[in-house]
Protein backbone atom coordinates (compact mmCIF):
# COMPACT_ATOMS: atom_id res chain seq x y z
CA UNK A 1 -17.98 -6.26 2.86
CA UNK A 2 -17.66 -9.22 -0.14
CA UNK A 3 -16.10 -8.03 -2.93
CA UNK A 4 -18.85 -8.76 -5.76
CA UNK A 5 -19.05 -9.73 -9.49
CA UNK A 6 -21.44 -7.76 -11.60
CA UNK A 7 -22.20 -6.92 -14.83
CA UNK A 8 -21.98 -2.87 -14.57
CA UNK A 9 -19.76 -1.82 -17.79
CA UNK A 10 -17.39 0.19 -15.95
CA UNK A 11 -13.96 -0.38 -15.58
CA UNK A 12 -12.31 -2.45 -12.33
CA UNK A 13 -9.46 -2.37 -10.33
CA UNK A 14 -8.07 -4.20 -7.28
CA UNK A 15 -6.34 -1.59 -4.65
CA UNK A 16 -4.10 -3.11 -2.38
CA UNK A 17 -4.83 -0.73 0.89
CA UNK A 18 -2.79 -0.79 4.13
CA UNK A 19 -4.49 1.90 5.50
CA UNK A 20 -1.34 4.58 5.35
CA UNK A 21 -1.26 7.59 3.79
CA UNK A 22 0.47 6.07 -0.01
CA UNK A 23 -1.73 3.25 0.06
CA UNK A 24 -4.80 6.26 0.62
CA UNK A 25 -3.64 8.18 -1.99
CA UNK A 26 -3.40 5.58 -4.68
CA UNK A 27 -7.16 4.53 -4.00
CA UNK A 28 -8.43 8.39 -4.27
CA UNK A 29 -6.09 8.59 -7.85
CA UNK A 30 -7.63 4.99 -8.89
CA UNK A 31 -11.24 6.40 -8.37
CA UNK A 32 -10.05 9.70 -10.38
CA UNK A 33 -9.52 7.86 -13.31
CA UNK A 34 -12.90 5.77 -13.46
CA UNK A 35 -12.37 3.18 -11.64
CA UNK A 36 -14.54 0.90 -9.35
CA UNK A 37 -12.25 -0.25 -6.86
CA UNK A 38 -12.04 -2.97 -4.93
CA UNK A 39 -9.95 -2.71 -2.03
CA UNK A 40 -8.01 -5.91 -0.35
CA UNK A 41 -6.77 -5.22 3.48
CA UNK A 42 -4.05 -7.91 4.71
CA UNK A 43 -4.03 -9.33 8.12
CA UNK A 44 -0.92 -10.69 8.08
CA UNK A 45 -0.11 -11.19 11.85
CA UNK A 46 1.48 -7.35 11.96
CA UNK A 47 2.35 -5.86 15.31
CA UNK A 48 -1.12 -3.92 15.68
CA UNK A 49 -4.08 -3.71 13.94
CA UNK A 50 -4.42 -0.09 13.69
CA UNK A 51 -3.63 0.23 10.53
CA UNK A 52 -6.17 -2.50 9.60
CA UNK A 53 -8.94 0.25 11.15
CA UNK A 54 -7.82 2.97 9.05
CA UNK A 55 -7.93 1.05 5.50
CA UNK A 56 -11.30 -0.43 6.53
CA UNK A 57 -12.40 3.29 7.95
CA UNK A 58 -10.78 4.75 4.79
CA UNK A 59 -12.31 2.13 2.13
CA UNK A 60 -15.59 2.90 3.90
CA UNK A 61 -15.36 6.64 3.29
CA UNK A 62 -14.41 5.82 -0.52
CA UNK A 63 -17.91 4.05 -0.66
CA UNK A 64 -15.33 1.10 -1.88
CA UNK A 65 -15.78 -2.95 -1.55
CA UNK A 66 -13.12 -3.95 0.24
CA UNK A 67 -12.36 -7.42 2.06
CA UNK A 68 -9.85 -8.12 4.83
CA UNK A 69 -7.71 -11.65 4.33
CA UNK A 70 -6.22 -13.04 7.30
CA UNK A 71 -2.80 -14.92 6.75
CA UNK A 72 -0.20 -16.02 8.93
CA UNK A 73 3.45 -15.63 8.03
CA UNK A 74 4.94 -18.54 10.95
CA UNK A 75 8.58 -17.96 10.33
CA UNK A 76 8.56 -14.26 10.68
CA UNK A 77 11.85 -12.75 9.66
CA UNK A 78 10.68 -9.18 10.47
CA UNK A 79 10.45 -6.67 13.11
CA UNK A 80 7.03 -5.76 11.87
CA UNK A 81 6.22 -9.50 12.55
CA UNK A 82 8.01 -10.22 15.43
CA UNK A 83 7.52 -8.81 18.64
CA UNK A 84 10.63 -9.94 20.26
CA UNK A 85 12.42 -8.03 17.62
CA UNK A 86 12.96 -3.93 17.89
CA UNK A 87 11.91 -1.55 15.67
CA UNK A 88 15.34 0.44 15.06
CA UNK A 89 15.58 3.34 13.11
CA UNK A 90 18.73 3.73 11.09
CA UNK A 91 21.47 6.25 12.37
CA UNK A 92 22.73 8.96 10.21
CA UNK A 93 23.29 8.51 6.48
CA UNK A 94 22.26 5.27 5.61
CA UNK A 95 24.50 2.12 4.17
CA UNK A 96 23.81 1.60 -0.09
CA UNK A 97 21.59 -1.18 -0.97
CA UNK A 98 20.97 -1.29 3.42
CA UNK A 99 17.43 -3.03 4.04
CA UNK A 100 15.95 -2.52 7.78
CA UNK A 101 14.55 -4.70 10.17
CA UNK A 102 11.17 -3.98 9.28
CA UNK A 103 11.26 -5.60 5.89
CA UNK A 104 8.96 -8.33 5.73
CA UNK A 105 10.23 -11.27 3.37
CA UNK A 106 8.07 -11.46 0.40
CA UNK A 107 5.99 -9.02 1.36
CA UNK A 108 4.40 -7.17 -2.51
CA UNK A 109 5.17 -10.77 -4.33
CA UNK A 110 2.39 -12.16 -1.97
CA UNK A 111 0.35 -9.19 -2.17
CA UNK A 112 -0.16 -9.01 -5.43
CA UNK A 113 -0.56 -12.78 -5.84
CA UNK A 114 -3.65 -12.89 -4.59
CA UNK A 115 -4.86 -9.34 -6.01
CA UNK A 116 -3.65 -10.47 -9.15
CA UNK A 117 -6.21 -14.06 -8.58
CA UNK A 118 -9.26 -11.50 -7.60
CA UNK A 119 -8.44 -9.50 -10.67
CA UNK A 120 -8.89 -12.58 -12.59
CA UNK A 121 -12.31 -13.85 -11.03
CA UNK A 122 -13.80 -10.56 -10.88
CA UNK A 123 -12.52 -8.98 -14.01
CA UNK A 124 -10.23 -6.51 -13.30
CA UNK A 125 -8.29 -4.99 -15.72
CA UNK A 126 -5.65 -3.56 -12.77
CA UNK A 127 -4.15 -3.56 -9.94
CA UNK A 128 -2.81 -0.40 -7.88
CA UNK A 129 -0.43 -0.45 -5.72
CA UNK A 130 1.49 2.41 -3.55
CA UNK A 131 4.76 1.38 -3.43
CA UNK A 132 7.21 3.96 -4.04
CA UNK A 133 11.29 4.12 -5.04
CA UNK A 134 12.16 8.08 -3.75
CA UNK A 135 12.86 8.98 -0.37
CA UNK A 136 11.82 5.08 0.67
CA UNK A 137 13.15 2.18 3.31
CA UNK A 138 15.12 0.41 0.90
CA UNK A 139 12.77 -2.29 0.25
CA UNK A 140 13.71 -4.29 -2.84
CA UNK A 141 9.77 -5.19 -3.67
CA UNK A 142 9.20 -1.42 -3.58
CA UNK A 143 11.28 -0.83 -6.91
CA UNK A 144 9.91 0.07 -10.87
CA UNK A 145 11.91 -3.08 -11.69
CA UNK A 146 10.45 -5.73 -9.43
CA UNK A 147 6.91 -4.25 -10.55
CA UNK A 148 8.07 -4.47 -14.25
CA UNK A 149 8.86 -8.12 -13.69
CA UNK A 150 5.65 -8.61 -11.96
CA UNK A 151 3.72 -7.65 -14.60
CA UNK A 152 5.85 -9.28 -16.98
CA UNK A 153 4.71 -12.81 -14.68
CA UNK A 154 0.89 -12.08 -14.78
CA UNK A 155 0.84 -11.77 -18.38
CA UNK A 156 2.43 -14.97 -18.60
CA UNK A 157 0.84 -16.48 -15.82
CA UNK A 158 -2.62 -15.82 -16.19
CA UNK A 159 -5.49 -17.15 -18.17
CA UNK A 160 -6.05 -13.56 -18.90
CA UNK A 161 -3.00 -12.61 -20.01
CA UNK A 162 -2.62 -15.71 -22.00
CA UNK A 163 -5.72 -14.67 -24.14
CA UNK A 164 -4.34 -11.37 -24.42
CA UNK A 165 -6.24 -9.37 -21.76
CA UNK A 166 -3.38 -7.45 -19.56
CA UNK A 167 -4.27 -7.07 -15.98
CA UNK A 168 -1.93 -3.80 -15.64
CA UNK A 169 0.31 -3.57 -12.16
CA UNK A 170 -0.11 -0.12 -11.88
CA UNK A 171 2.29 2.16 -9.13
CA UNK A 172 1.39 5.78 -9.66
CA UNK A 173 3.34 7.19 -7.06
CA UNK A 174 6.42 5.28 -7.49
CA UNK A 175 8.68 8.13 -8.34
CA UNK A 176 7.11 10.78 -6.33
CA UNK A 177 8.76 12.41 -3.55
CA UNK A 178 6.86 12.30 -0.09
CA UNK A 179 5.46 15.68 -0.35
CA UNK A 180 4.36 15.15 -3.87
CA UNK A 181 2.26 12.37 -2.93
CA UNK A 182 0.59 14.18 0.02
CA UNK A 183 0.31 17.01 -2.71
CA UNK A 184 -1.58 14.91 -4.73
CA UNK A 185 -3.91 13.71 -1.75
CA UNK A 186 -5.29 16.92 -0.97
CA UNK A 187 -6.78 17.92 -4.71
CA UNK A 188 -7.98 14.46 -4.53
CA UNK A 189 -9.36 15.40 -1.26
CA UNK A 190 -7.83 12.14 0.56
CA UNK A 191 -8.85 11.90 4.32
CA UNK A 192 -5.36 12.07 5.93
CA UNK A 193 -7.04 11.85 9.27
CA UNK A 194 -8.22 8.38 8.54
CA UNK A 195 -4.68 7.58 7.80
CA UNK A 196 -1.92 5.83 9.92
CA UNK A 197 1.65 5.59 8.98
CA UNK A 198 3.15 4.45 12.83
CA UNK A 199 5.15 0.92 12.47
CA UNK A 200 3.61 1.28 16.21
CA UNK A 201 0.08 0.58 17.35
CA UNK A 202 -0.11 3.25 19.71
CA UNK A 203 -2.74 6.11 19.98
CA UNK A 204 -0.72 8.53 18.54
CA UNK A 205 2.43 8.18 15.89
CA UNK A 206 5.59 7.66 17.36
CA UNK A 207 7.55 9.96 15.51
CA UNK A 208 10.65 8.11 15.48
CA UNK A 209 10.09 5.37 13.53
CA UNK A 210 11.08 5.89 9.14
CA UNK A 211 7.25 6.23 8.10
CA UNK A 212 6.97 8.63 10.81
CA UNK A 213 9.67 10.79 9.48
CA UNK A 214 9.21 10.06 6.26
CA UNK A 215 5.40 11.32 6.78
CA UNK A 216 6.98 14.46 8.74
CA UNK A 217 9.08 15.83 5.99
CA UNK A 218 5.90 15.42 3.69
CA UNK A 219 4.40 17.80 5.00
CA UNK A 220 7.07 19.97 6.47
CA UNK A 221 8.00 20.49 3.12
CA UNK A 222 4.83 21.71 2.40
CA UNK A 223 4.76 23.29 5.65
CA UNK A 224 1.29 21.94 6.17
CA UNK A 225 0.35 20.33 8.96
CA UNK A 226 -0.54 16.42 9.89
CA UNK A 227 -3.96 16.20 10.78
CA UNK A 228 -2.43 12.97 12.83
CA UNK A 229 -0.50 15.17 15.29
CA UNK A 230 -1.63 17.66 17.67
């Protein structure tokens, strides 16, 4: 489904939709704030397409336009891109400043750059991304400091920005715990059964990777059963 410009006066937003729990909650949050949402879904050579299928299903469920953008990162540099690398799970307490092998070099910079171009082209006033810093895997491009810097860059590096019209980078769940994100999603009627968080593209979540563990911890804290776990 192509993203189209239109003459409607409702405010528009670009939402980066990965198919995961966090981005799904972010999409429904943006909708609840009155935005017409246009979802960008990235196929960037990740290990599996399971999350892309989830993203498309979530966008359809929310009745939002979406676009799948395909790109290639041939230099890889991440276990999410290189199938010869093993997706490892850090043992015990993580070393301060440690960045896991699932980090994809510059991923959010790349994604947000596409989103910024799209936002400017269709007249969207906001970009929503479901990153969160608390209880996360230590990715440097998921910190509030990074998004504030990108926001400043967007203001200085676009025609919209230099003309005094700001395209806001909005991270509504960045300081939430996973359980808080899930609780917010429940209030917004997010279809968690359509989401996919696992780094592996199996029929069921592996239950061992970082993403699976953070998700499981969130549902456990709320004493709620994850709809993906039979």
